[in-house]
């Protein structure tokens, strides 16, 4: 589908997040269209996680607009944001360690807007991450970090989201696990789910995404395209401002 014909999925205008009066995110504006993978990169403390938490109302935020396919997200409780089709996987591959892999996945289904297609989605998730089928009865806490990240993503996908937002999905993973996660992200967007990827792996994110926003000290300072991925000087400027 050409960019001109894509339907807008997420619209964010002038998003602001502050903690105790100290700004973490200052008036950022961006969008994600259907079928897109959009990245947000930036150094530690840039406000990347705060922006995601603000969008799902897990922290106090203000914005001129924050909508998902026409649904106003600004006044929804976090659980209602999830039911609107916005699935967020926070950093740290968070899973319920005492529950089995199967039961962790089942929890994702509680946020589905419709039960239709549940079995097909579960089959696809098992195809995407075969380890989740192999270890279905294993307590999630016994999985490796990479396997737990696959489970966290799979659980979010079982909610059948319109938009999948990922916060630092490669954090703490082995190189092999990082490759597995990035390959899965590409397959997810190819299947039709819009993806918002917040990452510190700048080059890999810029190369993979349709476009990548650079967040520095709470402000969007630059937008990069895949052709910028090999421009080391530009990536350095994006991070350091010089």
Protein backbone atom coordinates (compact mmCIF):
# COMPACT_ATOMS: atom_id res chain seq x y z
CA UNK A 1 0.00 0.00 0.00
CA UNK A 2 1.41 3.40 -0.93
CA UNK A 3 1.99 5.93 1.90
CA UNK A 4 -0.69 8.24 0.46
CA UNK A 5 -3.33 5.52 0.77
CA UNK A 6 -2.50 4.34 4.27
CA UNK A 7 -5.05 4.85 7.00
CA UNK A 8 -3.92 6.77 10.08
CA UNK A 9 -3.81 4.46 13.11
CA UNK A 10 -2.24 6.57 15.87
CA UNK A 11 -2.29 10.35 16.00
CA UNK A 12 -0.39 12.18 18.73
CA UNK A 13 -0.25 15.96 18.97
CA UNK A 14 1.59 18.00 21.60
CA UNK A 15 2.02 15.18 24.12
CA UNK A 16 3.40 16.38 27.45
CA UNK A 17 4.47 14.35 30.48
CA UNK A 18 5.93 15.78 33.69
CA UNK A 19 6.92 14.36 37.05
CA UNK A 20 6.52 16.72 39.97
CA UNK A 21 6.48 19.68 37.61
CA UNK A 22 9.68 18.59 35.86
CA UNK A 23 9.05 17.98 32.12
CA UNK A 24 9.92 14.53 30.78
CA UNK A 25 8.17 14.90 27.42
CA UNK A 26 7.52 18.31 25.85
CA UNK A 27 4.92 18.79 23.12
CA UNK A 28 5.86 15.88 20.86
CA UNK A 29 3.79 15.21 17.75
CA UNK A 30 3.96 12.09 15.59
CA UNK A 31 1.80 9.48 13.90
CA UNK A 32 1.71 5.82 12.89
CA UNK A 33 -0.19 4.62 9.81
CA UNK A 34 -1.63 1.20 9.03
CA UNK A 35 1.05 -1.32 8.14
CA UNK A 36 3.86 0.90 9.37
CA UNK A 37 6.78 0.23 11.67
CA UNK A 38 7.73 3.52 13.29
CA UNK A 39 10.74 3.90 15.56
CA UNK A 40 11.56 6.26 18.40
CA UNK A 41 15.20 6.37 19.46
CA UNK A 42 17.19 8.51 21.85
CA UNK A 43 19.67 8.38 24.71
CA UNK A 44 18.84 7.26 28.23
CA UNK A 45 16.59 9.76 29.97
CA UNK A 46 15.29 11.20 26.71
CA UNK A 47 11.67 10.51 27.66
CA UNK A 48 10.97 7.50 25.43
CA UNK A 49 9.33 5.31 28.07
CA UNK A 50 7.52 8.31 29.57
CA UNK A 51 5.95 9.02 26.18
CA UNK A 52 4.56 5.49 25.95
CA UNK A 53 3.31 5.55 29.54
CA UNK A 54 1.66 8.88 28.86
CA UNK A 55 -0.15 7.53 25.82
CA UNK A 56 -1.71 4.68 27.80
CA UNK A 57 -2.40 6.98 30.79
CA UNK A 58 -0.20 4.99 33.13
CA UNK A 59 1.32 8.35 34.13
CA UNK A 60 -0.32 11.75 34.09
CA UNK A 61 -0.10 13.42 30.70
CA UNK A 62 -1.69 16.11 28.53
CA UNK A 63 -2.03 16.36 24.78
CA UNK A 64 -3.91 18.25 22.11
CA UNK A 65 -4.78 14.90 20.55
CA UNK A 66 -4.04 11.24 21.24
CA UNK A 67 -6.29 8.96 19.24
CA UNK A 68 -6.27 5.40 17.98
CA UNK A 69 -8.38 4.92 14.86
CA UNK A 70 -10.60 7.79 15.99
CA UNK A 71 -10.89 6.67 19.63
CA UNK A 72 -9.80 9.43 22.02
CA UNK A 73 -7.28 7.85 24.38
CA UNK A 74 -6.77 10.82 26.65
CA UNK A 75 -9.44 10.10 29.24
CA UNK A 76 -9.43 6.32 29.15
CA UNK A 77 -8.17 4.17 32.01
CA UNK A 78 -5.12 2.09 31.02
CA UNK A 79 -7.15 -1.13 30.77
CA UNK A 80 -9.61 0.58 28.44
CA UNK A 81 -6.74 1.84 26.30
CA UNK A 82 -5.68 -1.80 25.95
CA UNK A 83 -9.20 -2.82 24.96
CA UNK A 84 -9.26 -0.06 22.35
CA UNK A 85 -6.55 -1.90 20.43
CA UNK A 86 -3.37 -0.34 21.88
CA UNK A 87 -1.07 -3.09 23.20
CA UNK A 88 2.01 -1.98 25.13
CA UNK A 89 4.93 -4.27 25.99
CA UNK A 90 7.07 -2.47 28.55
CA UNK A 91 10.81 -3.00 28.92
CA UNK A 92 12.18 -5.86 30.97
CA UNK A 93 10.24 -8.73 29.31
CA UNK A 94 7.63 -8.65 32.06
CA UNK A 95 5.81 -11.95 32.49
CA UNK A 96 3.98 -13.70 35.32
CA UNK A 97 6.77 -15.99 36.44
CA UNK A 98 4.71 -18.49 38.44
CA UNK A 99 2.18 -18.98 35.68
CA UNK A 100 2.80 -21.30 32.77
CA UNK A 101 3.61 -20.00 29.31
CA UNK A 102 0.14 -21.12 28.21
CA UNK A 103 -1.58 -19.22 31.03
CA UNK A 104 0.48 -16.08 30.35
CA UNK A 105 -0.75 -16.15 26.77
CA UNK A 106 -4.34 -16.67 27.88
CA UNK A 107 -4.13 -13.45 29.88
CA UNK A 108 -3.47 -11.58 26.66
CA UNK A 109 -6.78 -12.77 25.28
CA UNK A 110 -8.68 -10.97 28.05
CA UNK A 111 -8.04 -7.66 26.25
CA UNK A 112 -9.47 -8.86 22.93
CA UNK A 113 -12.38 -6.90 21.58
CA UNK A 114 -13.80 -10.03 19.90
CA UNK A 115 -13.29 -13.75 20.49
CA UNK A 116 -13.41 -14.55 16.79
CA UNK A 117 -10.04 -15.59 15.40
CA UNK A 118 -8.52 -16.46 18.78
CA UNK A 119 -7.40 -19.95 17.78
CA UNK A 120 -5.94 -18.73 14.50
CA UNK A 121 -4.04 -15.97 16.29
CA UNK A 122 -2.65 -18.41 18.84
CA UNK A 123 -1.52 -20.75 16.06
CA UNK A 124 0.23 -17.84 14.34
CA UNK A 125 1.94 -16.76 17.56
CA UNK A 126 3.22 -20.33 18.01
CA UNK A 127 4.52 -20.20 14.45
CA UNK A 128 6.16 -16.83 15.11
CA UNK A 129 7.70 -18.01 18.39
CA UNK A 130 7.88 -21.85 18.34
CA UNK A 131 9.46 -21.89 21.78
CA UNK A 132 6.11 -20.81 23.27
CA UNK A 133 4.46 -23.97 21.99
CA UNK A 134 7.40 -26.16 23.03
CA UNK A 135 7.43 -24.79 26.60
CA UNK A 136 3.68 -24.22 26.96
CA UNK A 137 3.52 -25.95 30.36
CA UNK A 138 6.74 -24.49 31.74
CA UNK A 139 6.56 -21.71 34.37
CA UNK A 140 7.36 -18.45 32.60
CA UNK A 141 9.93 -17.57 35.25
CA UNK A 142 12.12 -20.46 34.10
CA UNK A 143 12.46 -19.11 30.56
CA UNK A 144 15.55 -17.25 29.42
CA UNK A 145 15.37 -13.48 28.97
CA UNK A 146 14.93 -13.81 25.22
CA UNK A 147 12.21 -16.41 25.63
CA UNK A 148 10.40 -14.23 28.16
CA UNK A 149 10.49 -11.34 25.71
CA UNK A 150 8.94 -13.56 23.05
CA UNK A 151 6.24 -14.50 25.54
CA UNK A 152 5.55 -10.87 26.44
CA UNK A 153 5.17 -9.99 22.77
CA UNK A 154 3.05 -13.06 22.07
CA UNK A 155 0.75 -12.23 24.97
CA UNK A 156 0.27 -8.71 23.61
CA UNK A 157 -0.47 -10.07 20.13
CA UNK A 158 -3.17 -12.37 21.46
CA UNK A 159 -5.13 -9.21 22.32
CA UNK A 160 -5.39 -8.68 18.53
CA UNK A 161 -4.15 -5.08 18.74
CA UNK A 162 -4.44 -2.41 16.09
CA UNK A 163 -1.14 -1.00 17.34
CA UNK A 164 1.66 -2.87 19.09
CA UNK A 165 4.00 -0.58 21.07
CA UNK A 166 7.30 -2.07 22.24
CA UNK A 167 9.53 -0.40 24.81
CA UNK A 168 13.18 -1.49 24.49
CA UNK A 169 12.37 -5.09 23.45
CA UNK A 170 16.06 -5.87 22.88
CA UNK A 171 17.19 -4.69 26.32
CA UNK A 172 19.47 -7.24 28.00
CA UNK A 173 19.10 -9.86 25.30
CA UNK A 174 21.79 -11.91 23.59
CA UNK A 175 22.63 -11.02 19.96
CA UNK A 176 20.76 -14.11 18.75
CA UNK A 177 17.68 -13.19 20.78
CA UNK A 178 17.85 -9.61 19.48
CA UNK A 179 17.81 -10.92 15.90
CA UNK A 180 14.82 -13.14 16.72
CA UNK A 181 12.87 -10.21 18.15
CA UNK A 182 13.63 -7.85 15.25
CA UNK A 183 12.73 -10.52 12.69
CA UNK A 184 9.45 -11.10 14.53
CA UNK A 185 8.68 -7.38 14.53
CA UNK A 186 9.02 -7.30 10.76
CA UNK A 187 6.67 -10.28 10.41
CA UNK A 188 4.15 -8.66 12.75
CA UNK A 189 3.97 -5.50 10.66
CA UNK A 190 3.82 -7.55 7.45
CA UNK A 191 0.77 -9.32 8.87
CA UNK A 192 -0.94 -5.94 9.21
CA UNK A 193 -0.37 -4.76 12.78
CA UNK A 194 1.08 -1.27 13.06
CA UNK A 195 4.16 -1.20 15.29
CA UNK A 196 5.64 1.61 17.40
CA UNK A 197 9.16 0.60 18.41
CA UNK A 198 11.03 2.46 21.15
CA UNK A 199 14.68 1.40 21.15
CA UNK A 200 18.26 2.34 21.92
CA UNK A 201 19.65 0.23 19.07
CA UNK A 202 19.67 3.18 16.74
CA UNK A 203 21.11 1.72 13.55
CA UNK A 204 19.00 -1.44 13.63
CA UNK A 205 15.84 0.54 14.37
CA UNK A 206 16.42 3.16 11.68
CA UNK A 207 17.18 0.44 9.14
CA UNK A 208 14.04 -1.53 10.01
CA UNK A 209 11.47 1.26 10.42
CA UNK A 210 9.54 3.23 7.81
CA UNK A 211 10.74 6.31 9.70
CA UNK A 212 12.34 6.92 13.04
CA UNK A 213 11.81 9.87 15.35
CA UNK A 214 14.72 11.04 17.49
CA UNK A 215 13.76 12.07 21.03
CA UNK A 216 16.28 14.20 22.93
CA UNK A 217 15.60 15.75 26.34
CA UNK A 218 11.88 15.21 25.90
CA UNK A 219 11.63 16.77 22.43
CA UNK A 220 11.53 15.32 18.93
CA UNK A 221 14.57 16.75 17.22
CA UNK A 222 14.89 14.77 14.00
CA UNK A 223 13.15 12.26 11.71
CA UNK A 224 15.27 9.61 10.02
CA UNK A 225 14.57 7.30 7.07
CA UNK A 226 16.00 3.81 6.43
CA UNK A 227 18.61 5.32 4.10
CA UNK A 228 20.09 7.13 7.12
CA UNK A 229 20.93 3.89 8.93
CA UNK A 230 24.52 3.74 7.65
CA UNK A 231 25.25 7.44 8.23
CA UNK A 232 27.29 7.20 11.43
CA UNK A 233 27.80 10.95 11.66
CA UNK A 234 24.06 11.60 11.43
CA UNK A 235 23.28 8.98 14.07
CA UNK A 236 25.91 10.49 16.33
CA UNK A 237 24.34 13.92 15.83
CA UNK A 238 20.91 12.45 16.57
CA UNK A 239 22.16 11.22 19.96
CA UNK A 240 24.61 13.91 20.95
CA UNK A 241 23.31 16.94 19.09
CA UNK A 242 26.70 17.59 17.56
